[in-house]
Amino acid sequence: MYQFVGKTAPFLILACLALGDGCKYINFLATNSFGQTVSLIAFSLFFFLYWYVLVLQLLVLQPAIAQQEDEPPSVKELLMDPYIIVAAG
């Protein structure tokens, strides 16, 4: 994935997984401790903020698919990348 799509792909996939986890958490709160009105407001706010941040990231980062003609990095080089170390942490 890193070679074909770029460094941003794993982070976008993690953002989608976080969105799914947030939906699951809000659904859990709605069915166990809050009324439907409070859960609907929280759910709407969560989706608004998520899409706002996603669009902002896409506008600022402008991810693009670029074919790399050079040799892909080794596992050691990937593990030494500070962005990957922060994401793993």
N, C-alpha and C. Protein backbone atom coordinates (compact mmCIF):
# COMPACT_ATOMS: atom_id res chain seq x y z
N MET A 1 0.84 -1.18 0.00
CA MET A 1 0.00 0.00 0.00
C MET A 1 0.89 1.25 0.00
N TYR A 2 1.95 1.22 0.78
CA TYR A 2 2.85 2.37 0.85
C TYR A 2 3.46 2.67 -0.52
N GLN A 3 3.82 1.62 -1.24
CA GLN A 3 4.49 1.80 -2.54
C GLN A 3 3.53 2.31 -3.60
N PHE A 4 2.30 1.82 -3.63
CA PHE A 4 1.38 2.16 -4.70
C PHE A 4 0.57 3.43 -4.42
N VAL A 5 0.23 3.68 -3.19
CA VAL A 5 -0.64 4.81 -2.86
C VAL A 5 0.12 5.95 -2.21
N GLY A 6 1.07 5.65 -1.35
CA GLY A 6 1.86 6.68 -0.70
C GLY A 6 1.75 6.61 0.81
N LYS A 7 2.43 7.54 1.46
CA LYS A 7 2.47 7.54 2.93
C LYS A 7 1.13 7.87 3.57
N THR A 8 0.25 8.56 2.86
CA THR A 8 -1.00 8.99 3.48
C THR A 8 -2.04 7.88 3.57
N ALA A 9 -1.94 6.83 2.76
CA ALA A 9 -2.96 5.79 2.73
C ALA A 9 -3.18 5.12 4.08
N PRO A 10 -2.15 4.68 4.80
CA PRO A 10 -2.41 4.05 6.10
C PRO A 10 -3.12 4.98 7.08
N PHE A 11 -2.80 6.27 7.02
CA PHE A 11 -3.42 7.21 7.94
C PHE A 11 -4.89 7.44 7.58
N LEU A 12 -5.21 7.45 6.29
CA LEU A 12 -6.61 7.58 5.89
C LEU A 12 -7.41 6.35 6.30
N ILE A 13 -6.82 5.18 6.20
CA ILE A 13 -7.50 3.96 6.63
C ILE A 13 -7.72 3.99 8.14
N LEU A 14 -6.71 4.45 8.88
CA LEU A 14 -6.88 4.57 10.34
C LEU A 14 -7.96 5.58 10.70
N ALA A 15 -8.07 6.65 9.91
CA ALA A 15 -9.12 7.64 10.17
C ALA A 15 -10.50 7.02 9.95
N CYS A 16 -10.65 6.19 8.92
CA CYS A 16 -11.93 5.52 8.68
C CYS A 16 -12.25 4.55 9.82
N LEU A 17 -11.24 3.83 10.30
CA LEU A 17 -11.46 2.92 11.43
C LEU A 17 -11.85 3.69 12.69
N ALA A 18 -11.24 4.85 12.89
CA ALA A 18 -11.59 5.68 14.05
C ALA A 18 -13.03 6.17 13.93
N LEU A 19 -13.45 6.51 12.71
CA LEU A 19 -14.84 6.94 12.50
C LEU A 19 -15.81 5.81 12.87
N GLY A 20 -15.51 4.61 12.43
CA GLY A 20 -16.36 3.47 12.77
C GLY A 20 -16.41 3.22 14.27
N ASP A 21 -15.25 3.36 14.92
CA ASP A 21 -15.21 3.17 16.37
C ASP A 21 -16.00 4.25 17.08
N GLY A 22 -15.91 5.48 16.59
CA GLY A 22 -16.69 6.57 17.19
C GLY A 22 -18.18 6.35 17.04
N CYS A 23 -18.60 5.85 15.88
CA CYS A 23 -20.02 5.55 15.67
C CYS A 23 -20.49 4.47 16.63
N LYS A 24 -19.65 3.44 16.80
CA LYS A 24 -20.00 2.35 17.72
C LYS A 24 -20.11 2.88 19.15
N TYR A 25 -19.21 3.75 19.55
CA TYR A 25 -19.22 4.29 20.91
C TYR A 25 -20.45 5.17 21.14
N ILE A 26 -20.78 6.01 20.16
CA ILE A 26 -21.95 6.87 20.31
C ILE A 26 -23.22 6.02 20.35
N ASN A 27 -23.29 4.97 19.55
CA ASN A 27 -24.45 4.08 19.57
C ASN A 27 -24.56 3.39 20.93
N PHE A 28 -23.44 3.00 21.50
CA PHE A 28 -23.44 2.37 22.82
C PHE A 28 -23.97 3.33 23.88
N LEU A 29 -23.49 4.59 23.83
CA LEU A 29 -23.96 5.58 24.80
C LEU A 29 -25.45 5.85 24.63
N ALA A 30 -25.91 5.89 23.39
CA ALA A 30 -27.31 6.20 23.13
C ALA A 30 -28.23 5.10 23.66
N THR A 31 -27.81 3.87 23.58
CA THR A 31 -28.68 2.78 24.01
C THR A 31 -28.58 2.48 25.50
N ASN A 32 -27.54 3.00 26.17
CA ASN A 32 -27.35 2.62 27.56
C ASN A 32 -27.57 3.74 28.57
N SER A 33 -27.19 4.97 28.28
CA SER A 33 -27.26 5.96 29.35
C SER A 33 -27.89 7.29 28.95
N PHE A 34 -28.01 7.62 27.66
CA PHE A 34 -28.57 8.89 27.24
C PHE A 34 -29.89 8.68 26.53
N GLY A 35 -30.66 9.76 26.47
CA GLY A 35 -31.88 9.73 25.69
C GLY A 35 -31.56 9.90 24.21
N GLN A 36 -32.56 9.75 23.36
CA GLN A 36 -32.34 9.83 21.91
C GLN A 36 -31.95 11.24 21.47
N THR A 37 -32.46 12.27 22.11
CA THR A 37 -32.15 13.64 21.71
C THR A 37 -30.67 13.95 21.93
N VAL A 38 -30.15 13.60 23.08
CA VAL A 38 -28.75 13.86 23.39
C VAL A 38 -27.85 13.07 22.46
N SER A 39 -28.19 11.82 22.20
CA SER A 39 -27.36 11.01 21.34
C SER A 39 -27.39 11.52 19.90
N LEU A 40 -28.52 12.02 19.45
CA LEU A 40 -28.61 12.56 18.09
C LEU A 40 -27.75 13.80 17.95
N ILE A 41 -27.75 14.66 18.96
CA ILE A 41 -26.90 15.86 18.93
C ILE A 41 -25.42 15.47 18.93
N ALA A 42 -25.05 14.55 19.79
CA ALA A 42 -23.65 14.11 19.86
C ALA A 42 -23.22 13.45 18.55
N PHE A 43 -24.10 12.63 18.00
CA PHE A 43 -23.80 11.95 16.74
C PHE A 43 -23.63 12.95 15.61
N SER A 44 -24.50 13.96 15.53
CA SER A 44 -24.41 14.99 14.50
C SER A 44 -23.13 15.81 14.65
N LEU A 45 -22.80 16.17 15.87
CA LEU A 45 -21.58 16.93 16.12
C LEU A 45 -20.34 16.13 15.74
N PHE A 46 -20.34 14.85 16.08
CA PHE A 46 -19.21 13.97 15.74
C PHE A 46 -19.03 13.92 14.23
N PHE A 47 -20.11 13.69 13.48
CA PHE A 47 -19.99 13.60 12.02
C PHE A 47 -19.57 14.93 11.41
N PHE A 48 -20.09 16.04 11.92
CA PHE A 48 -19.70 17.35 11.39
C PHE A 48 -18.21 17.58 11.58
N LEU A 49 -17.71 17.33 12.80
CA LEU A 49 -16.30 17.54 13.06
C LEU A 49 -15.42 16.60 12.25
N TYR A 50 -15.86 15.34 12.12
CA TYR A 50 -15.07 14.37 11.34
C TYR A 50 -14.95 14.82 9.90
N TRP A 51 -16.04 15.17 9.26
CA TRP A 51 -15.99 15.58 7.85
C TRP A 51 -15.27 16.89 7.67
N TYR A 52 -15.40 17.80 8.64
CA TYR A 52 -14.69 19.07 8.57
C TYR A 52 -13.18 18.84 8.59
N VAL A 53 -12.70 18.00 9.50
CA VAL A 53 -11.27 17.70 9.59
C VAL A 53 -10.81 16.94 8.35
N LEU A 54 -11.60 16.00 7.87
CA LEU A 54 -11.22 15.23 6.69
C LEU A 54 -11.07 16.13 5.47
N VAL A 55 -12.03 17.01 5.24
CA VAL A 55 -11.96 17.91 4.09
C VAL A 55 -10.78 18.87 4.25
N LEU A 56 -10.55 19.35 5.46
CA LEU A 56 -9.42 20.24 5.71
C LEU A 56 -8.10 19.54 5.41
N GLN A 57 -7.97 18.29 5.83
CA GLN A 57 -6.75 17.53 5.55
C GLN A 57 -6.57 17.30 4.06
N LEU A 58 -7.65 16.97 3.37
CA LEU A 58 -7.53 16.73 1.93
C LEU A 58 -7.15 18.00 1.19
N LEU A 59 -7.64 19.14 1.64
CA LEU A 59 -7.29 20.40 0.98
C LEU A 59 -5.85 20.80 1.27
N VAL A 60 -5.39 20.55 2.47
CA VAL A 60 -4.04 20.96 2.83
C VAL A 60 -3.00 19.97 2.30
N LEU A 61 -3.23 18.67 2.52
CA LEU A 61 -2.24 17.67 2.12
C LEU A 61 -2.27 17.37 0.63
N GLN A 62 -3.43 17.44 0.01
CA GLN A 62 -3.64 17.14 -1.40
C GLN A 62 -2.98 15.81 -1.79
N PRO A 63 -3.47 14.71 -1.24
CA PRO A 63 -2.86 13.42 -1.57
C PRO A 63 -3.08 13.05 -3.03
N ALA A 64 -2.10 12.41 -3.60
CA ALA A 64 -2.18 11.98 -5.00
C ALA A 64 -1.46 10.65 -5.15
N ILE A 65 -1.87 9.88 -6.12
CA ILE A 65 -1.23 8.61 -6.42
C ILE A 65 -0.07 8.87 -7.36
N ALA A 66 1.11 8.47 -6.95
CA ALA A 66 2.30 8.68 -7.78
C ALA A 66 3.07 7.36 -7.86
N GLN A 67 3.32 6.92 -9.07
CA GLN A 67 4.10 5.70 -9.26
C GLN A 67 5.56 5.99 -8.96
N GLN A 68 6.15 5.17 -8.14
CA GLN A 68 7.55 5.33 -7.80
C GLN A 68 8.37 4.40 -8.67
N GLU A 69 9.34 4.95 -9.33
CA GLU A 69 10.18 4.14 -10.20
C GLU A 69 11.40 3.60 -9.47
N ASP A 70 11.72 4.17 -8.32
CA ASP A 70 12.86 3.67 -7.58
C ASP A 70 12.45 2.48 -6.72
N GLU A 71 13.42 1.86 -6.11
CA GLU A 71 13.18 0.67 -5.31
C GLU A 71 12.43 1.05 -4.03
N PRO A 72 11.45 0.25 -3.63
CA PRO A 72 10.71 0.57 -2.39
C PRO A 72 11.63 0.47 -1.18
N PRO A 73 11.32 1.21 -0.12
CA PRO A 73 12.18 1.17 1.06
C PRO A 73 12.11 -0.18 1.76
N SER A 74 13.18 -0.48 2.46
CA SER A 74 13.21 -1.73 3.22
C SER A 74 12.40 -1.58 4.50
N VAL A 75 12.18 -2.68 5.17
CA VAL A 75 11.43 -2.66 6.43
C VAL A 75 12.19 -1.84 7.47
N LYS A 76 13.52 -1.94 7.48
CA LYS A 76 14.33 -1.18 8.44
C LYS A 76 14.16 0.32 8.21
N GLU A 77 14.18 0.75 6.95
CA GLU A 77 13.99 2.17 6.64
C GLU A 77 12.60 2.65 7.06
N LEU A 78 11.59 1.81 6.84
CA LEU A 78 10.24 2.18 7.25
C LEU A 78 10.12 2.30 8.76
N LEU A 79 10.77 1.39 9.49
CA LEU A 79 10.71 1.43 10.95
C LEU A 79 11.47 2.62 11.52
N MET A 80 12.40 3.19 10.78
CA MET A 80 13.16 4.36 11.22
C MET A 80 12.47 5.68 10.84
N ASP A 81 11.40 5.61 10.06
CA ASP A 81 10.68 6.81 9.64
C ASP A 81 9.95 7.41 10.86
N PRO A 82 10.18 8.70 11.17
CA PRO A 82 9.56 9.27 12.37
C PRO A 82 8.03 9.31 12.31
N TYR A 83 7.45 9.47 11.14
CA TYR A 83 5.99 9.48 11.02
C TYR A 83 5.41 8.11 11.37
N ILE A 84 6.07 7.07 10.95
CA ILE A 84 5.59 5.71 11.24
C ILE A 84 5.78 5.40 12.72
N ILE A 85 6.86 5.88 13.30
CA ILE A 85 7.10 5.66 14.74
C ILE A 85 6.01 6.35 15.57
N VAL A 86 5.63 7.58 15.18
CA VAL A 86 4.58 8.30 15.90
C VAL A 86 3.24 7.58 15.76
N ALA A 87 2.93 7.12 14.53
CA ALA A 87 1.66 6.42 14.32
C ALA A 87 1.61 5.11 15.09
N ALA A 88 2.73 4.40 15.16
CA ALA A 88 2.77 3.14 15.90
C ALA A 88 2.66 3.38 17.41
N GLY A 89 3.17 4.52 17.86
CA GLY A 89 3.12 4.84 19.30
C GLY A 89 1.73 5.14 19.72
